[in-house]
Amino acid sequence: MRILENDFLKVETADFGAELSGIFDKENNRQVLWGADPAYWARHAPVLFPFVGKVNGGFYTHKGIKYPMGQHGFARDMEFEYLGSDGKSLSHRLKSDENTKKVYPFDFELTITHSLEGRCLTVGYEVKNTGAETMYFSIGAHPAFNCPVLPGTEKRDYFAKLGEGKLKYVLIDGESGSVMYKDEKETDGLIRLEESLFDNDALIFDRGQVEKASILYPDMTPYITVSCKGFDSFGLWSKPKAGAPYVCLEPWIGRCDNEGFEGELKDKYGERSLEAGESFFAEFTIETA
């Protein structure tokens, strides 16, 4: 386990998956990040790369060739190289190899950097195309936060604040894992975290509607805030119908397929591309109150 620590927070990351594994709030003497209890969900905050969500039918097509791909890609289940720390930040790197190219035919380097300042953790993603052809990818975060956290409260006493006014969202088809993009729904930017909210899996907000998302205490003050300007899609999720004591705030670049999509990878919803030698960078922050 790799550690960053200051007067306010102790942050832990793992070499496996470069996964953020702990955010301990010293002032309030509590763990903020979900503890990966397998009774509900055995992960803390997996990195989603080179796909976010499922691909329709369990495979995608690139230049006419079909490749199998599991949910959220493969980075979360691979050992990253630890690049070191300067005390305020630390980095991990994953490179393509013979095994990744069996399911994802691109040469790449993915570098993930965690940086800590005050009560704010910044997570940076750098994707580099180290190959000779155009590369296509999605990338996203899946951090889960303990909720409820105050004695005598339930999850439904808390709120998610995703913006001002009305927002539009879509749901996931439980059978295919694809987005029912033709059935757009509307909600307020302030959402009570009722258990039934996640009966149909995640709520997905596209078109850059969510640039900042917070979980609010019952008194409506912030508990956790994720700032993610530049991430096109955003997922709000907790395990459906399970009474799971956590909520995920998920900034994504790209997402699962639209329902019925059978086209080429380059035409997948929200897909990003890099020419040979090009790099892409994005970052988001997690701030505790």
Protein backbone atom coordinates (compact mmCIF):
# COMPACT_ATOMS: atom_id res chain seq x y z
CA MET A 1 0.00 0.00 0.00
CA ARG A 2 1.33 3.47 -0.94
CA ILE A 3 0.53 6.35 1.39
CA LEU A 4 0.13 10.13 1.13
CA GLU A 5 -0.54 11.94 4.39
CA ASN A 6 -0.89 15.45 5.78
CA ASP A 7 -2.52 17.06 8.82
CA PHE A 8 -6.02 16.45 7.45
CA LEU A 9 -6.10 13.20 5.47
CA LYS A 10 -4.34 9.88 5.08
CA VAL A 11 -4.68 8.53 1.53
CA GLU A 12 -3.81 4.97 0.51
CA THR A 13 -3.37 3.58 -2.99
CA ALA A 14 -2.54 0.07 -4.19
CA ASP A 15 -0.16 -1.02 -6.94
CA PHE A 16 -2.83 -3.49 -8.09
CA GLY A 17 -5.12 -1.49 -10.35
CA ALA A 18 -3.54 1.77 -9.10
CA GLU A 19 -6.69 1.79 -7.01
CA LEU A 20 -7.41 4.46 -4.45
CA SER A 21 -7.95 2.31 -1.35
CA GLY A 22 -8.47 4.66 1.57
CA ILE A 23 -9.22 8.26 2.50
CA PHE A 24 -9.07 8.64 6.26
CA ASP A 25 -10.39 11.92 7.66
CA LYS A 26 -8.22 12.64 10.69
CA GLU A 27 -10.30 15.54 12.00
CA ASN A 28 -13.48 13.47 12.09
CA ASN A 29 -11.68 10.20 12.87
CA ARG A 30 -13.39 8.18 10.15
CA GLN A 31 -12.78 6.40 6.88
CA VAL A 32 -14.45 8.24 4.02
CA LEU A 33 -13.78 5.77 1.21
CA TRP A 34 -15.84 2.57 1.07
CA GLY A 35 -14.07 -0.40 2.65
CA ALA A 36 -14.71 -2.92 -0.17
CA ASP A 37 -16.83 -5.28 1.93
CA PRO A 38 -17.53 -8.18 -0.48
CA ALA A 39 -20.99 -8.61 1.03
CA TYR A 40 -21.92 -5.51 -1.00
CA TRP A 41 -19.11 -4.61 -3.42
CA ALA A 42 -15.49 -5.75 -3.17
CA ARG A 43 -13.86 -2.63 -4.60
CA HIS A 44 -13.01 0.86 -3.35
CA ALA A 45 -12.49 3.06 -6.40
CA PRO A 46 -11.44 1.11 -9.50
CA VAL A 47 -9.92 2.74 -12.56
CA LEU A 48 -12.09 2.20 -15.64
CA PHE A 49 -9.89 1.79 -18.73
CA PRO A 50 -9.88 1.35 -21.69
CA PHE A 51 -13.68 0.98 -21.42
CA VAL A 52 -16.30 2.37 -19.08
CA GLY A 53 -19.19 0.01 -18.41
CA LYS A 54 -20.11 -2.96 -20.59
CA VAL A 55 -19.85 -3.32 -24.35
CA ASN A 56 -22.95 -4.55 -26.12
CA GLY A 57 -22.94 -8.36 -26.34
CA GLY A 58 -19.63 -8.65 -24.49
CA PHE A 59 -17.45 -7.65 -27.46
CA TYR A 60 -16.57 -4.58 -29.54
CA THR A 61 -15.53 -4.23 -33.19
CA HIS A 62 -12.38 -2.54 -34.49
CA LYS A 63 -11.61 -2.61 -38.22
CA GLY A 64 -14.08 -5.44 -38.66
CA ILE A 65 -12.52 -7.66 -35.98
CA LYS A 66 -14.49 -8.54 -32.86
CA TYR A 67 -12.69 -8.43 -29.51
CA PRO A 68 -14.08 -9.71 -26.19
CA MET A 69 -14.15 -7.18 -23.36
CA GLY A 70 -15.41 -7.38 -19.80
CA GLN A 71 -17.11 -4.63 -17.86
CA HIS A 72 -14.96 -1.52 -17.26
CA GLY A 73 -11.97 -2.82 -19.21
CA PHE A 74 -8.90 -4.48 -17.70
CA ALA A 75 -6.80 -1.82 -15.94
CA ARG A 76 -8.56 -2.33 -12.61
CA ASP A 77 -7.38 -5.96 -12.55
CA MET A 78 -3.73 -5.42 -13.48
CA GLU A 79 -0.56 -4.70 -11.56
CA PHE A 80 0.75 -1.18 -12.20
CA GLU A 81 4.38 -0.10 -11.95
CA TYR A 82 4.94 2.19 -8.97
CA LEU A 83 6.85 5.27 -10.15
CA GLY A 84 7.52 6.83 -6.75
CA SER A 85 6.44 9.71 -4.54
CA ASP A 86 7.67 13.18 -3.61
CA GLY A 87 5.62 13.20 -0.41
CA LYS A 88 2.78 15.23 -1.92
CA SER A 89 1.99 13.04 -4.92
CA LEU A 90 2.62 9.52 -6.17
CA SER A 91 2.28 7.87 -9.55
CA HIS A 92 1.63 4.47 -11.13
CA ARG A 93 1.97 3.38 -14.74
CA LEU A 94 0.48 0.61 -16.87
CA LYS A 95 1.86 -0.29 -20.29
CA SER A 96 0.36 -2.43 -23.01
CA ASP A 97 1.80 -5.91 -23.42
CA GLU A 98 1.14 -9.13 -25.30
CA ASN A 99 -1.81 -9.98 -23.06
CA THR A 100 -3.56 -6.63 -23.32
CA LYS A 101 -3.15 -6.64 -27.10
CA LYS A 102 -5.11 -9.89 -27.35
CA VAL A 103 -8.24 -7.97 -26.31
CA TYR A 104 -7.22 -4.35 -27.05
CA PRO A 105 -4.96 -4.01 -30.11
CA PHE A 106 -3.28 -0.72 -29.19
CA ASP A 107 0.05 0.26 -27.70
CA PHE A 108 -0.40 2.62 -24.77
CA GLU A 109 0.89 3.97 -21.49
CA LEU A 110 -1.55 4.91 -18.73
CA THR A 111 -0.11 6.99 -15.88
CA ILE A 112 -2.21 7.71 -12.81
CA THR A 113 -1.10 10.34 -10.30
CA HIS A 114 -2.63 10.97 -6.87
CA SER A 115 -1.80 14.35 -5.30
CA LEU A 116 -2.77 15.57 -1.83
CA GLU A 117 -3.09 19.18 -0.68
CA GLY A 118 -5.08 20.14 2.40
CA ARG A 119 -8.41 18.32 2.35
CA CYS A 120 -8.31 17.85 -1.43
CA LEU A 121 -7.10 14.80 -3.36
CA THR A 122 -6.44 15.21 -7.09
CA VAL A 123 -6.48 12.18 -9.39
CA GLY A 124 -4.82 12.68 -12.75
CA TYR A 125 -5.02 10.41 -15.80
CA GLU A 126 -2.49 10.57 -18.61
CA VAL A 127 -3.04 8.30 -21.63
CA LYS A 128 -0.33 8.09 -24.28
CA ASN A 129 -0.57 6.37 -27.65
CA THR A 130 2.80 4.64 -28.04
CA GLY A 131 1.78 2.85 -31.22
CA ALA A 132 1.67 3.72 -34.91
CA GLU A 133 -2.10 3.80 -35.48
CA THR A 134 -4.99 5.81 -34.11
CA MET A 135 -6.00 4.62 -30.66
CA TYR A 136 -9.51 4.70 -29.20
CA PHE A 137 -10.34 4.61 -25.50
CA SER A 138 -12.62 5.59 -22.64
CA ILE A 139 -11.51 6.28 -19.07
CA GLY A 140 -13.30 6.95 -15.81
CA ALA A 141 -13.38 6.75 -12.05
CA HIS A 142 -15.61 4.74 -9.73
CA PRO A 143 -14.98 5.99 -6.15
CA ALA A 144 -17.40 4.77 -3.49
CA PHE A 145 -17.95 6.77 -0.31
CA ASN A 146 -19.31 5.54 2.99
CA CYS A 147 -22.89 6.68 3.44
CA PRO A 148 -24.37 6.99 6.02
CA VAL A 149 -21.57 8.21 8.29
CA LEU A 150 -23.32 10.01 11.16
CA PRO A 151 -24.69 7.99 14.09
CA GLY A 152 -28.43 7.44 13.98
CA THR A 153 -28.77 8.26 10.28
CA GLU A 154 -29.73 6.25 7.19
CA LYS A 155 -28.63 6.64 3.58
CA ARG A 156 -32.02 8.13 2.69
CA ASP A 157 -31.29 11.02 5.07
CA TYR A 158 -28.50 12.17 2.73
CA PHE A 159 -28.64 13.96 -0.64
CA ALA A 160 -26.66 14.09 -3.87
CA LYS A 161 -26.24 17.57 -5.30
CA LEU A 162 -25.30 17.41 -8.98
CA GLY A 163 -26.12 20.89 -10.20
CA GLU A 164 -28.74 23.59 -10.32
CA GLY A 165 -32.20 23.30 -11.86
CA LYS A 166 -33.31 20.35 -13.97
CA LEU A 167 -30.93 17.68 -15.23
CA LYS A 168 -31.51 14.91 -17.75
CA TYR A 169 -30.33 11.35 -17.18
CA VAL A 170 -30.58 7.88 -18.69
CA LEU A 171 -30.67 4.40 -17.18
CA ILE A 172 -28.98 1.10 -17.99
CA ASP A 173 -30.80 -1.92 -19.38
CA GLY A 174 -30.21 -4.65 -16.80
CA GLU A 175 -29.97 -7.43 -19.35
CA SER A 176 -27.52 -5.94 -21.86
CA GLY A 177 -25.75 -3.36 -19.71
CA SER A 178 -26.40 -0.79 -22.44
CA VAL A 179 -27.79 2.71 -22.01
CA MET A 180 -31.48 3.21 -22.83
CA TYR A 181 -30.57 6.50 -24.51
CA LYS A 182 -33.97 7.04 -26.14
CA ASP A 183 -35.69 7.06 -22.74
CA GLU A 184 -34.22 10.21 -21.19
CA LYS A 185 -35.58 11.23 -17.81
CA GLU A 186 -35.47 14.45 -15.79
CA THR A 187 -34.62 15.18 -12.19
CA ASP A 188 -33.71 18.05 -9.92
CA GLY A 189 -30.04 18.73 -9.28
CA LEU A 190 -30.70 17.87 -5.63
CA ILE A 191 -31.60 14.19 -5.17
CA ARG A 192 -32.50 12.39 -1.96
CA LEU A 193 -30.55 9.14 -1.72
CA GLU A 194 -33.56 6.87 -1.38
CA GLU A 195 -32.74 3.15 -1.54
CA SER A 196 -35.12 2.79 -4.50
CA LEU A 197 -33.14 5.40 -6.47
CA PHE A 198 -30.79 2.68 -7.73
CA ASP A 199 -33.34 -0.04 -8.49
CA ASN A 200 -32.41 0.25 -12.19
CA ASP A 201 -28.67 0.55 -11.57
CA ALA A 202 -26.77 3.82 -12.17
CA LEU A 203 -28.21 7.18 -13.16
CA ILE A 204 -26.10 8.50 -16.05
CA PHE A 205 -25.82 12.19 -16.83
CA ASP A 206 -24.31 12.96 -20.26
CA ARG A 207 -23.26 16.08 -22.19
CA GLY A 208 -21.09 17.48 -19.42
CA GLN A 209 -24.08 18.37 -17.26
CA VAL A 210 -22.27 17.47 -14.02
CA GLU A 211 -19.06 19.37 -13.33
CA LYS A 212 -19.32 19.09 -9.55
CA ALA A 213 -21.14 16.52 -7.43
CA SER A 214 -21.53 16.38 -3.66
CA ILE A 215 -22.97 14.05 -1.08
CA LEU A 216 -24.70 16.22 1.51
CA TYR A 217 -25.28 15.48 5.17
CA PRO A 218 -28.90 15.49 6.40
CA ASP A 219 -28.44 19.17 7.34
CA MET A 220 -27.56 19.85 3.65
CA THR A 221 -23.91 20.71 4.26
CA PRO A 222 -21.26 18.98 2.10
CA TYR A 223 -19.70 15.70 3.16
CA ILE A 224 -17.81 14.80 -0.04
CA THR A 225 -17.41 16.84 -3.23
CA VAL A 226 -16.08 15.53 -6.56
CA SER A 227 -15.15 18.20 -9.13
CA CYS A 228 -14.80 16.88 -12.67
CA LYS A 229 -14.97 19.59 -15.32
CA GLY A 230 -14.18 18.16 -18.75
CA PHE A 231 -15.63 14.71 -18.03
CA ASP A 232 -18.49 14.25 -20.48
CA SER A 233 -20.56 11.75 -18.48
CA PHE A 234 -21.25 11.14 -14.81
CA GLY A 235 -22.64 8.13 -12.97
CA LEU A 236 -24.46 8.09 -9.63
CA TRP A 237 -24.61 4.54 -8.26
CA SER A 238 -25.01 2.21 -5.33
CA LYS A 239 -25.65 -1.52 -5.47
CA PRO A 240 -29.36 -1.95 -6.27
CA LYS A 241 -31.81 -3.38 -3.74
CA ALA A 242 -29.09 -4.31 -1.26
CA GLY A 243 -29.08 -1.64 1.44
CA ALA A 244 -25.45 -1.00 0.53
CA PRO A 245 -23.92 1.62 2.86
CA TYR A 246 -22.06 3.58 0.19
CA VAL A 247 -22.67 5.88 -2.78
CA CYS A 248 -20.47 6.22 -5.87
CA LEU A 249 -19.77 9.55 -7.58
CA GLU A 250 -18.30 8.58 -10.97
CA PRO A 251 -16.77 10.99 -13.51
CA TRP A 252 -16.39 9.37 -16.92
CA ILE A 253 -14.94 10.14 -20.33
CA GLY A 254 -16.91 7.76 -22.52
CA ARG A 255 -19.40 5.23 -21.17
CA CYS A 256 -21.21 1.96 -21.90
CA ASP A 257 -22.76 1.46 -25.34
CA ASN A 258 -26.08 2.87 -26.39
CA GLU A 259 -28.74 0.19 -26.57
CA GLY A 260 -28.42 -1.81 -29.79
CA PHE A 261 -25.05 -0.37 -30.81
CA GLU A 262 -23.14 -2.74 -33.10
CA GLY A 263 -20.84 -0.32 -34.90
CA GLU A 264 -17.10 0.21 -34.96
CA LEU A 265 -15.19 1.24 -31.85
CA LYS A 266 -14.47 4.67 -33.35
CA ASP A 267 -18.22 5.35 -33.43
CA LYS A 268 -18.94 4.28 -29.86
CA TYR A 269 -20.65 6.92 -27.70
CA GLY A 270 -18.17 9.32 -26.09
CA GLU A 271 -15.10 7.50 -27.40
CA ARG A 272 -11.83 9.47 -27.46
CA SER A 273 -9.04 9.05 -29.98
CA LEU A 274 -5.29 9.67 -29.98
CA GLU A 275 -3.03 9.75 -32.99
CA ALA A 276 0.39 8.08 -32.85
CA GLY A 277 2.56 9.72 -30.19
CA GLU A 278 -0.23 11.90 -28.80
CA SER A 279 -1.19 12.14 -25.12
CA PHE A 280 -4.42 12.90 -23.30
CA PHE A 281 -4.72 14.29 -19.78
CA ALA A 282 -7.69 14.74 -17.44
CA GLU A 283 -8.05 15.13 -13.69
CA PHE A 284 -10.72 15.32 -11.03
CA THR A 285 -10.66 16.15 -7.34
CA ILE A 286 -12.17 14.64 -4.19
CA GLU A 287 -12.61 17.09 -1.35
CA THR A 288 -13.73 16.28 2.18
CA ALA A 289 -15.54 18.89 4.25
